[in-house]
Amino acid sequence: MQADERHDWLINRRKMLALLGVTGVNMVSGYSSASAGATGGGEIGRETLACIVTPAQTEGPYFVDERLHRSDVRSDPSDGSLKEGLPLALEIRVFAVGSAGCVPLPEAIVDIWQCDAHGVYSDVMDPAFQTRGKKFLRGYQVTDGNGVVRFLTIYPGSYPGRTVHIHFKIRTKGKYRWAHEFTSQFYFDDTITDHVHAQPPYAPGKSRLPRTRNEQDGIFRAGGDQLVLTLAETKQGYLATFDVGLEGVST
């Protein structure tokens, strides 16, 4: 990483951490990564990464290609309202995995979408809700020269049949269409979710069904244990960093 690139990366990361009230050098320079291949404080390089290919998972019924280029996805652009929930700063680092190791993937488009604290998705029609025209908790970012994107969202709620999760999609541009498309989901430790969901606005009413846990979710059982976010607690919420390794994509 060049000196100016690293400076920009640190400044952008500090801005995100400041939103959550994170303090301390260790949080700024270190990582918590589900791939367990990164070491804190050093440059992002092939020698520091586990080079693990991330498992793909289903897109699900609620993806809408909104083309909302933003890092803070909590608001609804139609009226400016902000979704309630525990803040979650999510940093995703995208790498091409090959025989030579892991190489950061720049200029990849990374979409995330998720439900709100009450299990509702935006801009869809569902038997349980109708949110057409709303666009909360959706957005995309483009990876920088180090393969990094950052989002500010909320800890997701839940709905019957699915454990708590965040959808993500990564696409690279070709000459006339997408050159590569990868879709998967992030998950959360059930113990942490139990704690978060016991507080407003997540606290369930008496009429709500019990929450589906990780081991009860068939989609989670197909590789979800490799997609659980490692969370660092902050003053306002949580911070998560995840390395996504893509196979068969050119840099």
C-alpha atoms as a PDB file:
ATOM      1  CA  MET A   1       0.000   0.000   0.000  1.00  0.00           C
ATOM      2  CA  GLN A   2       1.355   3.426  -0.922  1.00  0.00           C
ATOM      3  CA  ALA A   3       1.734   6.007   1.848  1.00  0.00           C
ATOM      4  CA  ASP A   4      -0.975   8.328   0.498  1.00  0.00           C
ATOM      5  CA  GLU A   5      -3.416   5.420   0.012  1.00  0.00           C
ATOM      6  CA  ARG A   6      -2.833   4.221   3.571  1.00  0.00           C
ATOM      7  CA  HIS A   7      -3.352   7.776   4.893  1.00  0.00           C
ATOM      8  CA  ASP A   8      -6.710   8.063   3.069  1.00  0.00           C
ATOM      9  CA  TRP A   9      -7.715   4.600   4.298  1.00  0.00           C
ATOM     10  CA  LEU A  10      -6.961   5.474   7.922  1.00  0.00           C
ATOM     11  CA  ILE A  11      -8.788   8.806   7.694  1.00  0.00           C
ATOM     12  CA  ASN A  12     -11.916   7.173   6.219  1.00  0.00           C
ATOM     13  CA  ARG A  13     -11.825   4.441   8.840  1.00  0.00           C
ATOM     14  CA  ARG A  14     -11.495   6.992  11.646  1.00  0.00           C
ATOM     15  CA  LYS A  15     -14.545   8.872  10.326  1.00  0.00           C
ATOM     16  CA  MET A  16     -16.603   5.687  10.462  1.00  0.00           C
ATOM     17  CA  LEU A  17     -15.351   4.798  13.938  1.00  0.00           C
ATOM     18  CA  ALA A  18     -16.064   8.312  15.167  1.00  0.00           C
ATOM     19  CA  LEU A  19     -19.730   7.880  14.265  1.00  0.00           C
ATOM     20  CA  LEU A  20     -19.876   4.979  16.705  1.00  0.00           C
ATOM     21  CA  GLY A  21     -17.786   6.598  19.411  1.00  0.00           C
ATOM     22  CA  VAL A  22     -14.831   4.234  19.075  1.00  0.00           C
ATOM     23  CA  THR A  23     -11.636   5.379  20.744  1.00  0.00           C
ATOM     24  CA  GLY A  24      -8.161   3.931  21.094  1.00  0.00           C
ATOM     25  CA  VAL A  25      -5.332   3.140  18.721  1.00  0.00           C
ATOM     26  CA  ASN A  26      -6.009  -0.597  18.708  1.00  0.00           C
ATOM     27  CA  MET A  27      -9.464  -0.149  17.241  1.00  0.00           C
ATOM     28  CA  VAL A  28      -8.189   2.168  14.524  1.00  0.00           C
ATOM     29  CA  SER A  29      -5.235   0.109  13.364  1.00  0.00           C
ATOM     30  CA  GLY A  30      -6.416  -3.420  14.067  1.00  0.00           C
ATOM     31  CA  TYR A  31      -9.009  -5.768  12.613  1.00  0.00           C
ATOM     32  CA  SER A  32     -11.611  -8.275  13.678  1.00  0.00           C
ATOM     33  CA  SER A  33     -12.047 -10.611  10.749  1.00  0.00           C
ATOM     34  CA  ALA A  34     -14.095 -13.756  10.338  1.00  0.00           C
ATOM     35  CA  SER A  35     -11.462 -15.194   8.044  1.00  0.00           C
ATOM     36  CA  ALA A  36      -8.928 -14.949  10.882  1.00  0.00           C
ATOM     37  CA  GLY A  37      -6.179 -14.189   8.439  1.00  0.00           C
ATOM     38  CA  ALA A  38      -5.414 -10.539   9.103  1.00  0.00           C
ATOM     39  CA  THR A  39      -3.026  -9.145  11.666  1.00  0.00           C
ATOM     40  CA  GLY A  40      -3.561  -5.719  13.207  1.00  0.00           C
ATOM     41  CA  GLY A  41      -1.433  -2.706  12.487  1.00  0.00           C
ATOM     42  CA  GLY A  42       0.306  -3.776   9.295  1.00  0.00           C
ATOM     43  CA  GLU A  43      -0.319  -3.245   5.614  1.00  0.00           C
ATOM     44  CA  ILE A  44      -2.916  -5.300   3.816  1.00  0.00           C
ATOM     45  CA  GLY A  45      -0.908  -7.813   1.842  1.00  0.00           C
ATOM     46  CA  ARG A  46      -0.890 -11.385   0.606  1.00  0.00           C
ATOM     47  CA  GLU A  47       1.238 -12.567   3.516  1.00  0.00           C
ATOM     48  CA  THR A  48      -1.315 -11.417   6.131  1.00  0.00           C
ATOM     49  CA  LEU A  49      -4.431 -13.051   4.689  1.00  0.00           C
ATOM     50  CA  ALA A  50      -5.837 -16.546   4.956  1.00  0.00           C
ATOM     51  CA  CYS A  51      -6.920 -16.598   1.283  1.00  0.00           C
ATOM     52  CA  ILE A  52     -10.164 -18.384   2.063  1.00  0.00           C
ATOM     53  CA  VAL A  53     -12.863 -18.534  -0.612  1.00  0.00           C
ATOM     54  CA  THR A  54     -16.128 -17.222   0.828  1.00  0.00           C
ATOM     55  CA  PRO A  55     -19.163 -19.506   0.340  1.00  0.00           C
ATOM     56  CA  ALA A  56     -21.947 -18.173  -1.880  1.00  0.00           C
ATOM     57  CA  GLN A  57     -25.542 -18.214  -0.650  1.00  0.00           C
ATOM     58  CA  THR A  58     -28.968 -17.507  -2.070  1.00  0.00           C
ATOM     59  CA  GLU A  59     -29.983 -13.986  -3.060  1.00  0.00           C
ATOM     60  CA  GLY A  60     -33.415 -14.376  -1.505  1.00  0.00           C
ATOM     61  CA  PRO A  61     -36.639 -12.679  -2.628  1.00  0.00           C
ATOM     62  CA  TYR A  62     -35.914  -9.114  -1.511  1.00  0.00           C
ATOM     63  CA  PHE A  63     -33.025  -7.903  -3.674  1.00  0.00           C
ATOM     64  CA  VAL A  64     -33.831  -4.712  -5.588  1.00  0.00           C
ATOM     65  CA  ASP A  65     -31.123  -3.140  -7.746  1.00  0.00           C
ATOM     66  CA  GLU A  66     -31.722   0.362  -6.387  1.00  0.00           C
ATOM     67  CA  ARG A  67     -28.334   1.810  -7.423  1.00  0.00           C
ATOM     68  CA  LEU A  68     -28.187   3.820  -4.190  1.00  0.00           C
ATOM     69  CA  HIS A  69     -24.549   4.879  -3.866  1.00  0.00           C
ATOM     70  CA  ARG A  70     -24.156   5.614  -0.156  1.00  0.00           C
ATOM     71  CA  SER A  71     -22.331   4.349   2.913  1.00  0.00           C
ATOM     72  CA  ASP A  72     -24.968   5.221   5.549  1.00  0.00           C
ATOM     73  CA  VAL A  73     -27.952   3.088   4.570  1.00  0.00           C
ATOM     74  CA  ARG A  74     -30.128   3.783   7.602  1.00  0.00           C
ATOM     75  CA  SER A  75     -32.241   6.549   6.069  1.00  0.00           C
ATOM     76  CA  ASP A  76     -35.120   6.441   3.619  1.00  0.00           C
ATOM     77  CA  PRO A  77     -34.351   8.866   0.752  1.00  0.00           C
ATOM     78  CA  SER A  78     -38.061   9.419   0.120  1.00  0.00           C
ATOM     79  CA  ASP A  79     -38.651  11.258   3.403  1.00  0.00           C
ATOM     80  CA  GLY A  80     -35.293  11.396   5.215  1.00  0.00           C
ATOM     81  CA  SER A  81     -36.499   9.251   8.111  1.00  0.00           C
ATOM     82  CA  LEU A  82     -33.866   7.220   9.956  1.00  0.00           C
ATOM     83  CA  LYS A  83     -34.425   3.588  10.876  1.00  0.00           C
ATOM     84  CA  GLU A  84     -34.185   2.874  14.578  1.00  0.00           C
ATOM     85  CA  GLY A  85     -31.778   0.219  15.755  1.00  0.00           C
ATOM     86  CA  LEU A  86     -28.369  -0.437  17.255  1.00  0.00           C
ATOM     87  CA  PRO A  87     -25.732   1.119  14.941  1.00  0.00           C
ATOM     88  CA  LEU A  88     -23.458  -1.317  13.117  1.00  0.00           C
ATOM     89  CA  ALA A  89     -20.361  -0.163  11.230  1.00  0.00           C
ATOM     90  CA  LEU A  90     -19.539  -2.788   8.625  1.00  0.00           C
ATOM     91  CA  GLU A  91     -16.212  -2.888   6.817  1.00  0.00           C
ATOM     92  CA  ILE A  92     -15.920  -5.395   3.955  1.00  0.00           C
ATOM     93  CA  ARG A  93     -12.563  -6.178   2.365  1.00  0.00           C
ATOM     94  CA  VAL A  94     -12.820  -7.900  -1.014  1.00  0.00           C
ATOM     95  CA  PHE A  95     -10.003 -10.043  -2.398  1.00  0.00           C
ATOM     96  CA  ALA A  96      -9.412 -12.130  -5.497  1.00  0.00           C
ATOM     97  CA  VAL A  97      -8.182 -15.557  -4.422  1.00  0.00           C
ATOM     98  CA  GLY A  98      -5.793 -17.349  -6.762  1.00  0.00           C
ATOM     99  CA  SER A  99      -2.742 -19.564  -6.851  1.00  0.00           C
ATOM    100  CA  ALA A 100      -0.514 -16.574  -6.091  1.00  0.00           C
ATOM    101  CA  GLY A 101      -2.463 -15.665  -2.950  1.00  0.00           C
ATOM    102  CA  CYS A 102      -4.956 -12.914  -2.144  1.00  0.00           C
ATOM    103  CA  VAL A 103      -5.019  -9.662  -4.099  1.00  0.00           C
ATOM    104  CA  PRO A 104      -7.253  -6.698  -3.109  1.00  0.00           C
ATOM    105  CA  LEU A 105     -10.048  -6.204  -5.644  1.00  0.00           C
ATOM    106  CA  PRO A 106     -10.563  -2.508  -6.502  1.00  0.00           C
ATOM    107  CA  GLU A 107     -13.602  -0.978  -8.240  1.00  0.00           C
ATOM    108  CA  ALA A 108     -15.962  -3.789  -7.284  1.00  0.00           C
ATOM    109  CA  ILE A 109     -19.563  -2.800  -6.568  1.00  0.00           C
ATOM    110  CA  VAL A 110     -20.748  -4.070  -3.175  1.00  0.00           C
ATOM    111  CA  ASP A 111     -24.470  -3.968  -2.362  1.00  0.00           C
ATOM    112  CA  ILE A 112     -25.985  -4.707   1.033  1.00  0.00           C
ATOM    113  CA  TRP A 113     -29.653  -5.036   1.952  1.00  0.00           C
ATOM    114  CA  GLN A 114     -31.403  -6.159   5.118  1.00  0.00           C
ATOM    115  CA  CYS A 115     -34.582  -5.948   7.169  1.00  0.00           C
ATOM    116  CA  ASP A 116     -35.220  -3.338   9.843  1.00  0.00           C
ATOM    117  CA  ALA A 117     -35.598  -3.959  13.573  1.00  0.00           C
ATOM    118  CA  HIS A 118     -39.094  -5.354  12.988  1.00  0.00           C
ATOM    119  CA  GLY A 119     -38.197  -7.750  10.167  1.00  0.00           C
ATOM    120  CA  VAL A 120     -39.394  -5.499   7.329  1.00  0.00           C
ATOM    121  CA  TYR A 121     -37.561  -4.961   4.011  1.00  0.00           C
ATOM    122  CA  SER A 122     -37.930  -1.825   1.925  1.00  0.00           C
ATOM    123  CA  ASP A 123     -39.298  -1.459  -1.615  1.00  0.00           C
ATOM    124  CA  VAL A 124     -41.054  -4.831  -1.812  1.00  0.00           C
ATOM    125  CA  MET A 125     -44.550  -6.248  -1.556  1.00  0.00           C
ATOM    126  CA  ASP A 126     -44.876  -9.131   0.871  1.00  0.00           C
ATOM    127  CA  PRO A 127     -47.862 -10.819   2.524  1.00  0.00           C
ATOM    128  CA  ALA A 128     -46.690  -9.304   5.820  1.00  0.00           C
ATOM    129  CA  PHE A 129     -45.874  -5.773   4.608  1.00  0.00           C
ATOM    130  CA  GLN A 130     -45.976  -3.378   1.647  1.00  0.00           C
ATOM    131  CA  THR A 131     -43.057  -0.953   1.382  1.00  0.00           C
ATOM    132  CA  ARG A 132     -42.931  -0.102  -2.323  1.00  0.00           C
ATOM    133  CA  GLY A 133     -41.202   3.237  -2.839  1.00  0.00           C
ATOM    134  CA  LYS A 134     -39.251   3.038   0.422  1.00  0.00           C
ATOM    135  CA  LYS A 135     -35.499   2.432   0.176  1.00  0.00           C
ATOM    136  CA  PHE A 136     -34.193   2.135   3.737  1.00  0.00           C
ATOM    137  CA  LEU A 137     -31.354  -0.255   4.607  1.00  0.00           C
ATOM    138  CA  ARG A 138     -30.154  -0.620   1.035  1.00  0.00           C
ATOM    139  CA  GLY A 139     -27.104   0.790  -0.698  1.00  0.00           C
ATOM    140  CA  TYR A 140     -23.850   0.122  -2.457  1.00  0.00           C
ATOM    141  CA  GLN A 141     -20.244   1.229  -2.272  1.00  0.00           C
ATOM    142  CA  VAL A 142     -17.327   0.774  -4.691  1.00  0.00           C
ATOM    143  CA  THR A 143     -14.176  -0.825  -3.315  1.00  0.00           C
ATOM    144  CA  ASP A 144     -11.141   1.428  -3.073  1.00  0.00           C
ATOM    145  CA  GLY A 145      -7.610   0.537  -4.128  1.00  0.00           C
ATOM    146  CA  ASN A 146      -7.329  -1.777  -1.125  1.00  0.00           C
ATOM    147  CA  GLY A 147     -10.574  -3.616  -1.895  1.00  0.00           C
ATOM    148  CA  VAL A 148     -12.381  -1.968   1.026  1.00  0.00           C
ATOM    149  CA  VAL A 149     -15.923  -0.630   1.427  1.00  0.00           C
ATOM    150  CA  ARG A 150     -17.611   0.670   4.573  1.00  0.00           C
ATOM    151  CA  PHE A 151     -21.264   0.893   5.538  1.00  0.00           C
ATOM    152  CA  LEU A 152     -23.144   2.278   8.507  1.00  0.00           C
ATOM    153  CA  THR A 153     -26.323   0.313   9.134  1.00  0.00           C
ATOM    154  CA  ILE A 154     -28.200  -1.192  12.091  1.00  0.00           C
ATOM    155  CA  TYR A 155     -28.182  -4.593  13.732  1.00  0.00           C
ATOM    156  CA  PRO A 156     -30.900  -6.446  11.793  1.00  0.00           C
ATOM    157  CA  GLY A 157     -34.181  -7.592  13.240  1.00  0.00           C
ATOM    158  CA  SER A 158     -35.733 -10.975  12.560  1.00  0.00           C
ATOM    159  CA  TYR A 159     -38.704 -12.571  10.865  1.00  0.00           C
ATOM    160  CA  PRO A 160     -40.154 -16.114  10.879  1.00  0.00           C
ATOM    161  CA  GLY A 161     -38.117 -18.819   9.173  1.00  0.00           C
ATOM    162  CA  ARG A 162     -34.796 -16.953   8.931  1.00  0.00           C
ATOM    163  CA  THR A 163     -32.038 -16.291  11.391  1.00  0.00           C
ATOM    164  CA  VAL A 164     -30.673 -12.744  11.666  1.00  0.00           C
ATOM    165  CA  HIS A 165     -28.636 -11.846   8.572  1.00  0.00           C
ATOM    166  CA  ILE A 166     -27.466  -9.201   6.093  1.00  0.00           C
ATOM    167  CA  HIS A 167     -27.460  -9.881   2.354  1.00  0.00           C
ATOM    168  CA  PHE A 168     -24.563  -8.758   0.178  1.00  0.00           C
ATOM    169  CA  LYS A 169     -23.739  -8.873  -3.509  1.00  0.00           C
ATOM    170  CA  ILE A 170     -20.405  -8.119  -5.195  1.00  0.00           C
ATOM    171  CA  ARG A 171     -20.170  -7.306  -8.905  1.00  0.00           C
ATOM    172  CA  THR A 172     -17.322  -6.367 -11.211  1.00  0.00           C
ATOM    173  CA  LYS A 173     -17.873  -4.529 -14.466  1.00  0.00           C
ATOM    174  CA  GLY A 174     -17.236  -6.042 -17.879  1.00  0.00           C
ATOM    175  CA  LYS A 175     -17.343  -4.326 -21.249  1.00  0.00           C
ATOM    176  CA  TYR A 176     -21.083  -4.829 -21.792  1.00  0.00           C
ATOM    177  CA  ARG A 177     -22.351  -6.562 -18.639  1.00  0.00           C
ATOM    178  CA  TRP A 178     -21.235  -7.750 -15.213  1.00  0.00           C
ATOM    179  CA  ALA A 179     -17.976  -9.666 -15.535  1.00  0.00           C
ATOM    180  CA  HIS A 180     -18.430 -11.388 -12.179  1.00  0.00           C
ATOM    181  CA  GLU A 181     -21.296 -11.576  -9.688  1.00  0.00           C
ATOM    182  CA  PHE A 182     -21.177 -13.090  -6.217  1.00  0.00           C
ATOM    183  CA  THR A 183     -23.978 -13.195  -3.640  1.00  0.00           C
ATOM    184  CA  SER A 184     -23.969 -14.312  -0.021  1.00  0.00           C
ATOM    185  CA  GLN A 185     -25.095 -13.385   3.494  1.00  0.00           C
ATOM    186  CA  PHE A 186     -23.535 -12.299   6.788  1.00  0.00           C
ATOM    187  CA  TYR A 187     -24.694 -13.779  10.089  1.00  0.00           C
ATOM    188  CA  PHE A 188     -24.468 -12.997  13.798  1.00  0.00           C
ATOM    189  CA  ASP A 189     -23.689 -14.943  16.938  1.00  0.00           C
ATOM    190  CA  ASP A 190     -26.972 -15.985  18.562  1.00  0.00           C
ATOM    191  CA  THR A 191     -25.767 -14.995  22.027  1.00  0.00           C
ATOM    192  CA  ILE A 192     -25.174 -11.410  20.900  1.00  0.00           C
ATOM    193  CA  THR A 193     -28.488 -11.330  19.056  1.00  0.00           C
ATOM    194  CA  ASP A 194     -30.282 -12.508  22.206  1.00  0.00           C
ATOM    195  CA  HIS A 195     -28.848  -9.512  24.052  1.00  0.00           C
ATOM    196  CA  VAL A 196     -29.563  -6.978  21.286  1.00  0.00           C
ATOM    197  CA  HIS A 197     -33.071  -8.209  20.565  1.00  0.00           C
ATOM    198  CA  ALA A 198     -34.057  -7.994  24.225  1.00  0.00           C
ATOM    199  CA  GLN A 199     -33.849  -4.194  23.949  1.00  0.00           C
ATOM    200  CA  PRO A 200     -36.076  -1.681  22.116  1.00  0.00           C
ATOM    201  CA  PRO A 201     -36.829  -1.350  19.270  1.00  0.00           C
ATOM    202  CA  TYR A 202     -36.214  -5.088  18.811  1.00  0.00           C
ATOM    203  CA  ALA A 203     -38.009  -6.394  21.900  1.00  0.00           C
ATOM    204  CA  PRO A 204     -40.750  -8.701  20.567  1.00  0.00           C
ATOM    205  CA  GLY A 205     -44.399  -8.361  21.442  1.00  0.00           C
ATOM    206  CA  LYS A 206     -46.325 -11.217  23.011  1.00  0.00           C
ATOM    207  CA  SER A 207     -47.880 -12.158  19.666  1.00  0.00           C
ATOM    208  CA  ARG A 208     -44.571 -12.645  17.835  1.00  0.00           C
ATOM    209  CA  LEU A 209     -43.176 -16.102  17.170  1.00  0.00           C
ATOM    210  CA  PRO A 210     -39.871 -17.158  18.745  1.00  0.00           C
ATOM    211  CA  ARG A 211     -36.826 -16.042  16.760  1.00  0.00           C
ATOM    212  CA  THR A 212     -35.280 -18.528  14.343  1.00  0.00           C
ATOM    213  CA  ARG A 213     -31.760 -19.350  15.512  1.00  0.00           C
ATOM    214  CA  ASN A 214     -28.720 -20.104  13.368  1.00  0.00           C
ATOM    215  CA  GLU A 215     -28.882 -23.880  13.680  1.00  0.00           C
ATOM    216  CA  GLN A 216     -32.593 -23.832  12.779  1.00  0.00           C
ATOM    217  CA  ASP A 217     -32.023 -21.981   9.492  1.00  0.00           C
ATOM    218  CA  GLY A 218     -31.426 -24.255   6.498  1.00  0.00           C
ATOM    219  CA  ILE A 219     -29.623 -21.513   4.571  1.00  0.00           C
ATOM    220  CA  PHE A 220     -27.274 -20.875   7.483  1.00  0.00           C
ATOM    221  CA  ARG A 221     -26.502 -24.589   7.702  1.00  0.00           C
ATOM    222  CA  ALA A 222     -25.140 -24.430   4.129  1.00  0.00           C
ATOM    223  CA  GLY A 223     -21.923 -22.611   5.003  1.00  0.00           C
ATOM    224  CA  GLY A 224     -23.215 -19.925   7.333  1.00  0.00           C
ATOM    225  CA  ASP A 225     -20.728 -20.818  10.048  1.00  0.00           C
ATOM    226  CA  GLN A 226     -18.054 -19.316   7.760  1.00  0.00           C
ATOM    227  CA  LEU A 227     -20.031 -16.088   7.412  1.00  0.00           C
ATOM    228  CA  VAL A 228     -20.578 -15.086  11.045  1.00  0.00           C
ATOM    229  CA  LEU A 229     -19.410 -11.542  11.731  1.00  0.00           C
ATOM    230  CA  THR A 230     -16.930 -10.928  14.533  1.00  0.00           C
ATOM    231  CA  LEU A 231     -18.202  -7.883  16.412  1.00  0.00           C
ATOM    232  CA  ALA A 232     -16.289  -5.297  18.427  1.00  0.00           C
ATOM    233  CA  GLU A 233     -18.422  -3.357  20.893  1.00  0.00           C
ATOM    234  CA  THR A 234     -18.372   0.442  20.649  1.00  0.00           C
ATOM    235  CA  LYS A 235     -19.987   3.227  22.670  1.00  0.00           C
ATOM    236  CA  GLN A 236     -23.046   3.332  20.415  1.00  0.00           C
ATOM    237  CA  GLY A 237     -23.165  -0.106  18.831  1.00  0.00           C
ATOM    238  CA  TYR A 238     -20.907  -2.585  17.061  1.00  0.00           C
ATOM    239  CA  LEU A 239     -18.107  -2.655  14.513  1.00  0.00           C
ATOM    240  CA  ALA A 240     -17.551  -5.635  12.196  1.00  0.00           C
ATOM    241  CA  THR A 241     -14.861  -6.346   9.611  1.00  0.00           C
ATOM    242  CA  PHE A 242     -15.054  -9.238   7.163  1.00  0.00           C
ATOM    243  CA  ASP A 243     -12.719 -10.490   4.430  1.00  0.00           C
ATOM    244  CA  VAL A 244     -14.519 -11.791   1.334  1.00  0.00           C
ATOM    245  CA  GLY A 245     -12.449 -14.032  -0.912  1.00  0.00           C
ATOM    246  CA  LEU A 246     -13.671 -14.434  -4.499  1.00  0.00           C
ATOM    247  CA  GLU A 247     -12.536 -17.197  -6.816  1.00  0.00           C
ATOM    248  CA  GLY A 248     -12.319 -16.846 -10.588  1.00  0.00           C
ATOM    249  CA  VAL A 249     -12.302 -13.059 -10.724  1.00  0.00           C
ATOM    250  CA  SER A 250      -9.602 -10.996 -12.411  1.00  0.00           C
ATOM    251  CA  THR A 251      -8.040  -7.924 -10.812  1.00  0.00           C
END
